[in-house]
Amino acid sequence: LNKPRHVVSAMHDPEGRRDLTEFTERYDQ
């Protein structure tokens, strides 16, 4: 993944910021 700026390296962010789920949900695994 080419992680953009202002994305949290986590599967969920309590503060509501962009996280990695939008990239992992592209795959069935």
PDB file of all heavy atoms in Angstrom:
ATOM      1  N   LEU A   1       0.855  -1.185   0.000  1.00  0.00           N
ATOM      2  CA  LEU A   1       0.000   0.000   0.000  1.00  0.00           C
ATOM      3  C   LEU A   1       0.890   1.234   0.000  1.00  0.00           C
ATOM      4  O   LEU A   1       1.857   1.295   0.762  1.00  0.00           O
ATOM      5  CB  LEU A   1      -0.896   0.032   1.243  1.00  0.00           C
ATOM      6  CG  LEU A   1      -1.572   1.376   1.575  1.00  0.00           C
ATOM      7  CD1 LEU A   1      -2.619   1.732   0.535  1.00  0.00           C
ATOM      8  CD2 LEU A   1      -2.174   1.347   2.985  1.00  0.00           C
ATOM      9  N   ASN A   2       0.580   2.198  -0.843  1.00  0.00           N
ATOM     10  CA  ASN A   2       1.202   3.515  -0.728  1.00  0.00           C
ATOM     11  C   ASN A   2       0.306   4.329   0.191  1.00  0.00           C
ATOM     12  O   ASN A   2      -0.681   4.917  -0.236  1.00  0.00           O
ATOM     13  CB  ASN A   2       1.345   4.192  -2.085  1.00  0.00           C
ATOM     14  CG  ASN A   2       2.116   5.509  -2.004  1.00  0.00           C
ATOM     15  OD1 ASN A   2       2.369   6.023  -0.916  1.00  0.00           O
ATOM     16  ND2 ASN A   2       2.474   6.058  -3.151  1.00  0.00           N
ATOM     17  N   LYS A   3       0.652   4.308   1.474  1.00  0.00           N
ATOM     18  CA  LYS A   3      -0.192   4.995   2.471  1.00  0.00           C
ATOM     19  C   LYS A   3      -0.133   6.503   2.266  1.00  0.00           C
ATOM     20  O   LYS A   3       0.945   7.098   2.280  1.00  0.00           O
ATOM     21  CB  LYS A   3       0.263   4.662   3.894  1.00  0.00           C
ATOM     22  CG  LYS A   3      -0.664   5.246   4.977  1.00  0.00           C
ATOM     23  CD  LYS A   3      -0.083   5.134   6.351  1.00  0.00           C
ATOM     24  CE  LYS A   3       0.770   6.297   6.738  1.00  0.00           C
ATOM     25  NZ  LYS A   3       0.055   7.580   6.915  1.00  0.00           N
ATOM     26  N   PRO A   4      -1.275   7.143   2.071  1.00  0.00           N
ATOM     27  CA  PRO A   4      -1.274   8.609   1.950  1.00  0.00           C
ATOM     28  C   PRO A   4      -0.989   9.265   3.301  1.00  0.00           C
ATOM     29  O   PRO A   4      -1.101   8.643   4.360  1.00  0.00           O
ATOM     30  CB  PRO A   4      -2.700   8.926   1.475  1.00  0.00           C
ATOM     31  CG  PRO A   4      -3.293   7.623   1.051  1.00  0.00           C
ATOM     32  CD  PRO A   4      -2.618   6.578   1.872  1.00  0.00           C
ATOM     33  N   ARG A   5      -0.646  10.536   3.254  1.00  0.00           N
ATOM     34  CA  ARG A   5      -0.551  11.322   4.491  1.00  0.00           C
ATOM     35  C   ARG A   5      -1.927  11.422   5.124  1.00  0.00           C
ATOM     36  O   ARG A   5      -2.959  11.289   4.468  1.00  0.00           O
ATOM     37  CB  ARG A   5      -0.018  12.720   4.204  1.00  0.00           C
ATOM     38  CG  ARG A   5       1.426  12.775   3.741  1.00  0.00           C
ATOM     39  CD  ARG A   5       1.834  14.214   3.489  1.00  0.00           C
ATOM     40  NE  ARG A   5       1.874  14.986   4.739  1.00  0.00           N
ATOM     41  CZ  ARG A   5       1.844  16.324   4.793  1.00  0.00           C
ATOM     42  NH1 ARG A   5       1.733  17.029   3.667  1.00  0.00           N
ATOM     43  NH2 ARG A   5       1.915  16.951   5.948  1.00  0.00           N
ATOM     44  N   HIS A   6      -1.934  11.659   6.421  1.00  0.00           N
ATOM     45  CA  HIS A   6      -3.161  11.854   7.191  1.00  0.00           C
ATOM     46  C   HIS A   6      -4.051  10.612   7.166  1.00  0.00           C
ATOM     47  O   HIS A   6      -5.276  10.702   7.098  1.00  0.00           O
ATOM     48  CB  HIS A   6      -3.923  13.093   6.691  1.00  0.00           C
ATOM     49  CG  HIS A   6      -3.114  14.342   6.796  1.00  0.00           C
ATOM     50  ND1 HIS A   6      -3.380  15.470   6.036  1.00  0.00           N
ATOM     51  CD2 HIS A   6      -2.027  14.651   7.561  1.00  0.00           C
ATOM     52  CE1 HIS A   6      -2.497  16.405   6.332  1.00  0.00           C
ATOM     53  NE2 HIS A   6      -1.661  15.933   7.257  1.00  0.00           N
ATOM     54  N   VAL A   7      -3.399   9.447   7.204  1.00  0.00           N
ATOM     55  CA  VAL A   7      -4.080   8.170   7.395  1.00  0.00           C
ATOM     56  C   VAL A   7      -3.410   7.487   8.576  1.00  0.00           C
ATOM     57  O   VAL A   7      -2.183   7.411   8.653  1.00  0.00           O
ATOM     58  CB  VAL A   7      -3.993   7.272   6.146  1.00  0.00           C
ATOM     59  CG1 VAL A   7      -4.534   5.868   6.452  1.00  0.00           C
ATOM     60  CG2 VAL A   7      -4.766   7.883   4.982  1.00  0.00           C
ATOM     61  N   VAL A   8      -4.215   6.999   9.522  1.00  0.00           N
ATOM     62  CA  VAL A   8      -3.693   6.337  10.706  1.00  0.00           C
ATOM     63  C   VAL A   8      -3.341   4.890  10.368  1.00  0.00           C
ATOM     64  O   VAL A   8      -4.114   4.195   9.713  1.00  0.00           O
ATOM     65  CB  VAL A   8      -4.731   6.367  11.849  1.00  0.00           C
ATOM     66  CG1 VAL A   8      -4.210   5.645  13.082  1.00  0.00           C
ATOM     67  CG2 VAL A   8      -5.094   7.798  12.189  1.00  0.00           C
ATOM     68  N   SER A   9      -2.167   4.435  10.808  1.00  0.00           N
ATOM     69  CA  SER A   9      -1.749   3.043  10.587  1.00  0.00           C
ATOM     70  C   SER A   9      -2.423   2.136  11.610  1.00  0.00           C
ATOM     71  O   SER A   9      -1.787   1.588  12.520  1.00  0.00           O
ATOM     72  CB  SER A   9      -0.229   2.921  10.669  1.00  0.00           C
ATOM     73  OG  SER A   9       0.400   3.586   9.598  1.00  0.00           O
ATOM     74  N   ALA A  10      -3.731   1.999  11.475  1.00  0.00           N
ATOM     75  CA  ALA A  10      -4.526   1.177  12.382  1.00  0.00           C
ATOM     76  C   ALA A  10      -5.794   0.776  11.643  1.00  0.00           C
ATOM     77  O   ALA A  10      -6.169   1.397  10.637  1.00  0.00           O
ATOM     78  CB  ALA A  10      -4.865   1.939  13.662  1.00  0.00           C
ATOM     79  N   MET A  11      -6.439  -0.287  12.143  1.00  0.00           N
ATOM     80  CA  MET A  11      -7.676  -0.737  11.517  1.00  0.00           C
ATOM     81  C   MET A  11      -8.883   0.052  12.019  1.00  0.00           C
ATOM     82  O   MET A  11      -9.962  -0.052  11.452  1.00  0.00           O
ATOM     83  CB  MET A  11      -7.874  -2.238  11.771  1.00  0.00           C
ATOM     84  CG  MET A  11      -6.688  -3.103  11.366  1.00  0.00           C
ATOM     85  SD  MET A  11      -6.051  -2.743   9.695  1.00  0.00           S
ATOM     86  CE  MET A  11      -7.455  -3.200   8.692  1.00  0.00           C
ATOM     87  N   HIS A  12      -8.684   0.837  13.071  1.00  0.00           N
ATOM     88  CA  HIS A  12      -9.765   1.691  13.580  1.00  0.00           C
ATOM     89  C   HIS A  12      -9.131   2.837  14.357  1.00  0.00           C
ATOM     90  O   HIS A  12      -8.144   2.643  15.081  1.00  0.00           O
ATOM     91  CB  HIS A  12     -10.708   0.908  14.489  1.00  0.00           C
ATOM     92  CG  HIS A  12     -11.725   1.772  15.174  1.00  0.00           C
ATOM     93  ND1 HIS A  12     -12.770   2.378  14.489  1.00  0.00           N
ATOM     94  CD2 HIS A  12     -11.842   2.141  16.481  1.00  0.00           C
ATOM     95  CE1 HIS A  12     -13.483   3.079  15.352  1.00  0.00           C
ATOM     96  NE2 HIS A  12     -12.944   2.956  16.557  1.00  0.00           N
ATOM     97  N   ASP A  13      -9.675   4.023  14.205  1.00  0.00           N
ATOM     98  CA  ASP A  13      -9.162   5.175  14.937  1.00  0.00           C
ATOM     99  C   ASP A  13     -10.282   5.760  15.793  1.00  0.00           C
ATOM    100  O   ASP A  13     -11.315   6.180  15.264  1.00  0.00           O
ATOM    101  CB  ASP A  13      -8.635   6.237  13.981  1.00  0.00           C
ATOM    102  CG  ASP A  13      -8.087   7.443  14.728  1.00  0.00           C
ATOM    103  OD1 ASP A  13      -7.187   7.243  15.564  1.00  0.00           O
ATOM    104  OD2 ASP A  13      -8.574   8.565  14.508  1.00  0.00           O
ATOM    105  N   PRO A  14     -10.115   5.796  17.113  1.00  0.00           N
ATOM    106  CA  PRO A  14     -11.165   6.332  17.999  1.00  0.00           C
ATOM    107  C   PRO A  14     -11.504   7.782  17.700  1.00  0.00           C
ATOM    108  O   PRO A  14     -12.617   8.237  18.000  1.00  0.00           O
ATOM    109  CB  PRO A  14     -10.556   6.192  19.400  1.00  0.00           C
ATOM    110  CG  PRO A  14      -9.487   5.144  19.265  1.00  0.00           C
ATOM    111  CD  PRO A  14      -8.957   5.292  17.873  1.00  0.00           C
ATOM    112  N   GLU A  15     -10.566   8.522  17.089  1.00  0.00           N
ATOM    113  CA  GLU A  15     -10.809   9.933  16.794  1.00  0.00           C
ATOM    114  C   GLU A  15     -11.532  10.132  15.462  1.00  0.00           C
ATOM    115  O   GLU A  15     -11.815  11.267  15.079  1.00  0.00           O
ATOM    116  CB  GLU A  15      -9.493  10.701  16.790  1.00  0.00           C
ATOM    117  CG  GLU A  15      -8.751  10.653  18.123  1.00  0.00           C
ATOM    118  CD  GLU A  15      -7.438  11.404  18.076  1.00  0.00           C
ATOM    119  OE1 GLU A  15      -7.309  12.306  17.210  1.00  0.00           O
ATOM    120  OE2 GLU A  15      -6.544  11.101  18.875  1.00  0.00           O
ATOM    121  N   GLY A  16     -11.798   9.047  14.760  1.00  0.00           N
ATOM    122  CA  GLY A  16     -12.553   9.150  13.522  1.00  0.00           C
ATOM    123  C   GLY A  16     -11.741   9.548  12.304  1.00  0.00           C
ATOM    124  O   GLY A  16     -12.305   9.871  11.258  1.00  0.00           O
ATOM    125  N   ARG A  17     -10.420   9.500  12.403  1.00  0.00           N
ATOM    126  CA  ARG A  17      -9.580   9.833  11.252  1.00  0.00           C
ATOM    127  C   ARG A  17      -9.539   8.669  10.261  1.00  0.00           C
ATOM    128  O   ARG A  17      -9.932   7.538  10.590  1.00  0.00           O
ATOM    129  CB  ARG A  17      -8.165  10.181  11.721  1.00  0.00           C
ATOM    130  CG  ARG A  17      -8.080  11.431  12.583  1.00  0.00           C
ATOM    131  CD  ARG A  17      -6.685  11.614  13.171  1.00  0.00           C
ATOM    132  NE  ARG A  17      -6.342  10.543  14.092  1.00  0.00           N
ATOM    133  CZ  ARG A  17      -5.188  10.467  14.754  1.00  0.00           C
ATOM    134  NH1 ARG A  17      -4.267  11.405  14.573  1.00  0.00           N
ATOM    135  NH2 ARG A  17      -4.955   9.464  15.587  1.00  0.00           N
ATOM    136  N   ARG A  18      -9.082   8.930   9.045  1.00  0.00           N
ATOM    137  CA  ARG A  18      -8.956   7.874   8.041  1.00  0.00           C
ATOM    138  C   ARG A  18      -8.041   6.769   8.571  1.00  0.00           C
ATOM    139  O   ARG A  18      -6.981   7.041   9.133  1.00  0.00           O
ATOM    140  CB  ARG A  18      -8.370   8.414   6.728  1.00  0.00           C
ATOM    141  CG  ARG A  18      -9.284   9.331   5.946  1.00  0.00           C
ATOM    142  CD  ARG A  18      -8.566   9.820   4.693  1.00  0.00           C
ATOM    143  NE  ARG A  18      -8.376   8.768   3.705  1.00  0.00           N
ATOM    144  CZ  ARG A  18      -7.644   8.913   2.598  1.00  0.00           C
ATOM    145  NH1 ARG A  18      -7.001  10.062   2.367  1.00  0.00           N
ATOM    146  NH2 ARG A  18      -7.531   7.928   1.728  1.00  0.00           N
ATOM    147  N   ASP A  19      -8.478   5.521   8.382  1.00  0.00           N
ATOM    148  CA  ASP A  19      -7.648   4.397   8.812  1.00  0.00           C
ATOM    149  C   ASP A  19      -7.445   3.454   7.627  1.00  0.00           C
ATOM    150  O   ASP A  19      -7.768   3.794   6.487  1.00  0.00           O
ATOM    151  CB  ASP A  19      -8.264   3.679  10.016  1.00  0.00           C
ATOM    152  CG  ASP A  19      -9.689   3.197   9.732  1.00  0.00           C
ATOM    153  OD1 ASP A  19      -9.953   2.741   8.596  1.00  0.00           O
ATOM    154  OD2 ASP A  19     -10.539   3.270  10.649  1.00  0.00           O
ATOM    155  N   LEU A  20      -6.913   2.272   7.893  1.00  0.00           N
ATOM    156  CA  LEU A  20      -6.514   1.359   6.815  1.00  0.00           C
ATOM    157  C   LEU A  20      -7.650   0.500   6.291  1.00  0.00           C
ATOM    158  O   LEU A  20      -7.466  -0.217   5.314  1.00  0.00           O
ATOM    159  CB  LEU A  20      -5.375   0.459   7.307  1.00  0.00           C
ATOM    160  CG  LEU A  20      -4.079   1.183   7.696  1.00  0.00           C
ATOM    161  CD1 LEU A  20      -3.070   0.187   8.246  1.00  0.00           C
ATOM    162  CD2 LEU A  20      -3.498   1.933   6.498  1.00  0.00           C
ATOM    163  N   THR A  21      -8.812   0.557   6.905  1.00  0.00           N
ATOM    164  CA  THR A  21      -9.899  -0.313   6.459  1.00  0.00           C
ATOM    165  C   THR A  21     -10.348   0.002   5.043  1.00  0.00           C
ATOM    166  O   THR A  21     -10.779  -0.888   4.316  1.00  0.00           O
ATOM    167  CB  THR A  21     -11.104  -0.216   7.410  1.00  0.00           C
ATOM    168  OG1 THR A  21     -11.500   1.161   7.536  1.00  0.00           O
ATOM    169  CG2 THR A  21     -10.759  -0.771   8.778  1.00  0.00           C
ATOM    170  N   GLU A  22     -10.240   1.252   4.630  1.00  0.00           N
ATOM    171  CA  GLU A  22     -10.663   1.585   3.266  1.00  0.00           C
ATOM    172  C   GLU A  22      -9.775   0.932   2.212  1.00  0.00           C
ATOM    173  O   GLU A  22     -10.162   0.796   1.055  1.00  0.00           O
ATOM    174  CB  GLU A  22     -10.686   3.104   3.056  1.00  0.00           C
ATOM    175  CG  GLU A  22      -9.321   3.772   3.042  1.00  0.00           C
ATOM    176  CD  GLU A  22      -9.415   5.257   2.731  1.00  0.00           C
ATOM    177  OE1 GLU A  22      -9.376   5.610   1.539  1.00  0.00           O
ATOM    178  OE2 GLU A  22      -9.541   6.061   3.693  1.00  0.00           O
ATOM    179  N   PHE A  23      -8.573   0.508   2.607  1.00  0.00           N
ATOM    180  CA  PHE A  23      -7.671  -0.162   1.677  1.00  0.00           C
ATOM    181  C   PHE A  23      -7.748  -1.677   1.809  1.00  0.00           C
ATOM    182  O   PHE A  23      -7.677  -2.392   0.808  1.00  0.00           O
ATOM    183  CB  PHE A  23      -6.231   0.315   1.920  1.00  0.00           C
ATOM    184  CG  PHE A  23      -6.106   1.810   1.984  1.00  0.00           C
ATOM    185  CD1 PHE A  23      -5.850   2.450   3.181  1.00  0.00           C
ATOM    186  CD2 PHE A  23      -6.278   2.587   0.840  1.00  0.00           C
ATOM    187  CE1 PHE A  23      -5.730   3.835   3.255  1.00  0.00           C
ATOM    188  CE2 PHE A  23      -6.186   3.966   0.895  1.00  0.00           C
ATOM    189  CZ  PHE A  23      -5.909   4.590   2.103  1.00  0.00           C
ATOM    190  N   THR A  24      -7.935  -2.187   3.037  1.00  0.00           N
ATOM    191  CA  THR A  24      -8.007  -3.636   3.222  1.00  0.00           C
ATOM    192  C   THR A  24      -9.340  -4.208   2.743  1.00  0.00           C
ATOM    193  O   THR A  24      -9.405  -5.382   2.373  1.00  0.00           O
ATOM    194  CB  THR A  24      -7.801  -4.015   4.697  1.00  0.00           C
ATOM    195  OG1 THR A  24      -8.799  -3.382   5.498  1.00  0.00           O
ATOM    196  CG2 THR A  24      -6.423  -3.559   5.172  1.00  0.00           C
ATOM    197  N   GLU A  25     -10.401  -3.403   2.724  1.00  0.00           N
ATOM    198  CA  GLU A  25     -11.707  -3.918   2.311  1.00  0.00           C
ATOM    199  C   GLU A  25     -11.760  -4.211   0.819  1.00  0.00           C
ATOM    200  O   GLU A  25     -12.720  -4.801   0.332  1.00  0.00           O
ATOM    201  CB  GLU A  25     -12.810  -2.928   2.692  1.00  0.00           C
ATOM    202  CG  GLU A  25     -12.785  -1.622   1.915  1.00  0.00           C
ATOM    203  CD  GLU A  25     -13.845  -0.641   2.369  1.00  0.00           C
ATOM    204  OE1 GLU A  25     -14.538  -0.938   3.371  1.00  0.00           O
ATOM    205  OE2 GLU A  25     -13.979   0.407   1.725  1.00  0.00           O
ATOM    206  N   ARG A  26     -10.715  -3.857   0.085  1.00  0.00           N
ATOM    207  CA  ARG A  26     -10.656  -4.193  -1.336  1.00  0.00           C
ATOM    208  C   ARG A  26     -10.445  -5.693  -1.556  1.00  0.00           C
ATOM    209  O   ARG A  26     -10.614  -6.191  -2.653  1.00  0.00           O
ATOM    210  CB  ARG A  26      -9.505  -3.430  -2.000  1.00  0.00           C
ATOM    211  CG  ARG A  26      -9.590  -1.928  -1.847  1.00  0.00           C
ATOM    212  CD  ARG A  26      -8.343  -1.249  -2.349  1.00  0.00           C
ATOM    213  NE  ARG A  26      -8.410   0.195  -2.106  1.00  0.00           N
ATOM    214  CZ  ARG A  26      -7.458   1.049  -2.394  1.00  0.00           C
ATOM    215  NH1 ARG A  26      -6.324   0.608  -2.923  1.00  0.00           N
ATOM    216  NH2 ARG A  26      -7.613   2.340  -2.151  1.00  0.00           N
ATOM    217  N   TYR A  27     -10.039  -6.400  -0.505  1.00  0.00           N
ATOM    218  CA  TYR A  27      -9.689  -7.809  -0.617  1.00  0.00           C
ATOM    219  C   TYR A  27     -10.609  -8.658   0.243  1.00  0.00           C
ATOM    220  O   TYR A  27     -11.058  -8.229   1.308  1.00  0.00           O
ATOM    221  CB  TYR A  27      -8.227  -8.024  -0.196  1.00  0.00           C
ATOM    222  CG  TYR A  27      -7.247  -7.228  -1.043  1.00  0.00           C
ATOM    223  CD1 TYR A  27      -6.870  -5.942  -0.654  1.00  0.00           C
ATOM    224  CD2 TYR A  27      -6.746  -7.743  -2.225  1.00  0.00           C
ATOM    225  CE1 TYR A  27      -5.993  -5.201  -1.434  1.00  0.00           C
ATOM    226  CE2 TYR A  27      -5.875  -7.002  -3.009  1.00  0.00           C
ATOM    227  CZ  TYR A  27      -5.504  -5.737  -2.610  1.00  0.00           C
ATOM    228  OH  TYR A  27      -4.651  -4.994  -3.398  1.00  0.00           O
ATOM    229  N   ASP A  28     -10.875  -9.875  -0.214  1.00  0.00           N
ATOM    230  CA  ASP A  28     -11.721 -10.782   0.557  1.00  0.00           C
ATOM    231  C   ASP A  28     -10.989 -11.312   1.785  1.00  0.00           C
ATOM    232  O   ASP A  28     -11.608 -11.613   2.802  1.00  0.00           O
ATOM    233  CB  ASP A  28     -12.176 -11.954  -0.320  1.00  0.00           C
ATOM    234  CG  ASP A  28     -13.176 -11.504  -1.383  1.00  0.00           C
ATOM    235  OD1 ASP A  28     -13.855 -10.490  -1.165  1.00  0.00           O
ATOM    236  OD2 ASP A  28     -13.265 -12.168  -2.430  1.00  0.00           O
ATOM    237  N   GLN A  29      -9.656 -11.446   1.689  1.00  0.00           N
ATOM    238  CA  GLN A  29      -8.881 -11.866   2.845  1.00  0.00           C
ATOM    239  C   GLN A  29      -8.858 -10.763   3.900  1.00  0.00           C
ATOM    240  O   GLN A  29      -8.905  -9.589   3.573  1.00  0.00           O
ATOM    241  CB  GLN A  29      -7.443 -12.213   2.446  1.00  0.00           C
ATOM    242  CG  GLN A  29      -7.313 -13.485   1.636  1.00  0.00           C
ATOM    243  CD  GLN A  29      -7.499 -13.224   0.156  1.00  0.00           C
ATOM    244  OE1 GLN A  29      -8.066 -12.201  -0.233  1.00  0.00           O
ATOM    245  NE2 GLN A  29      -7.019 -14.120  -0.671  1.00  0.00           N
TER     246      GLN A  29
END
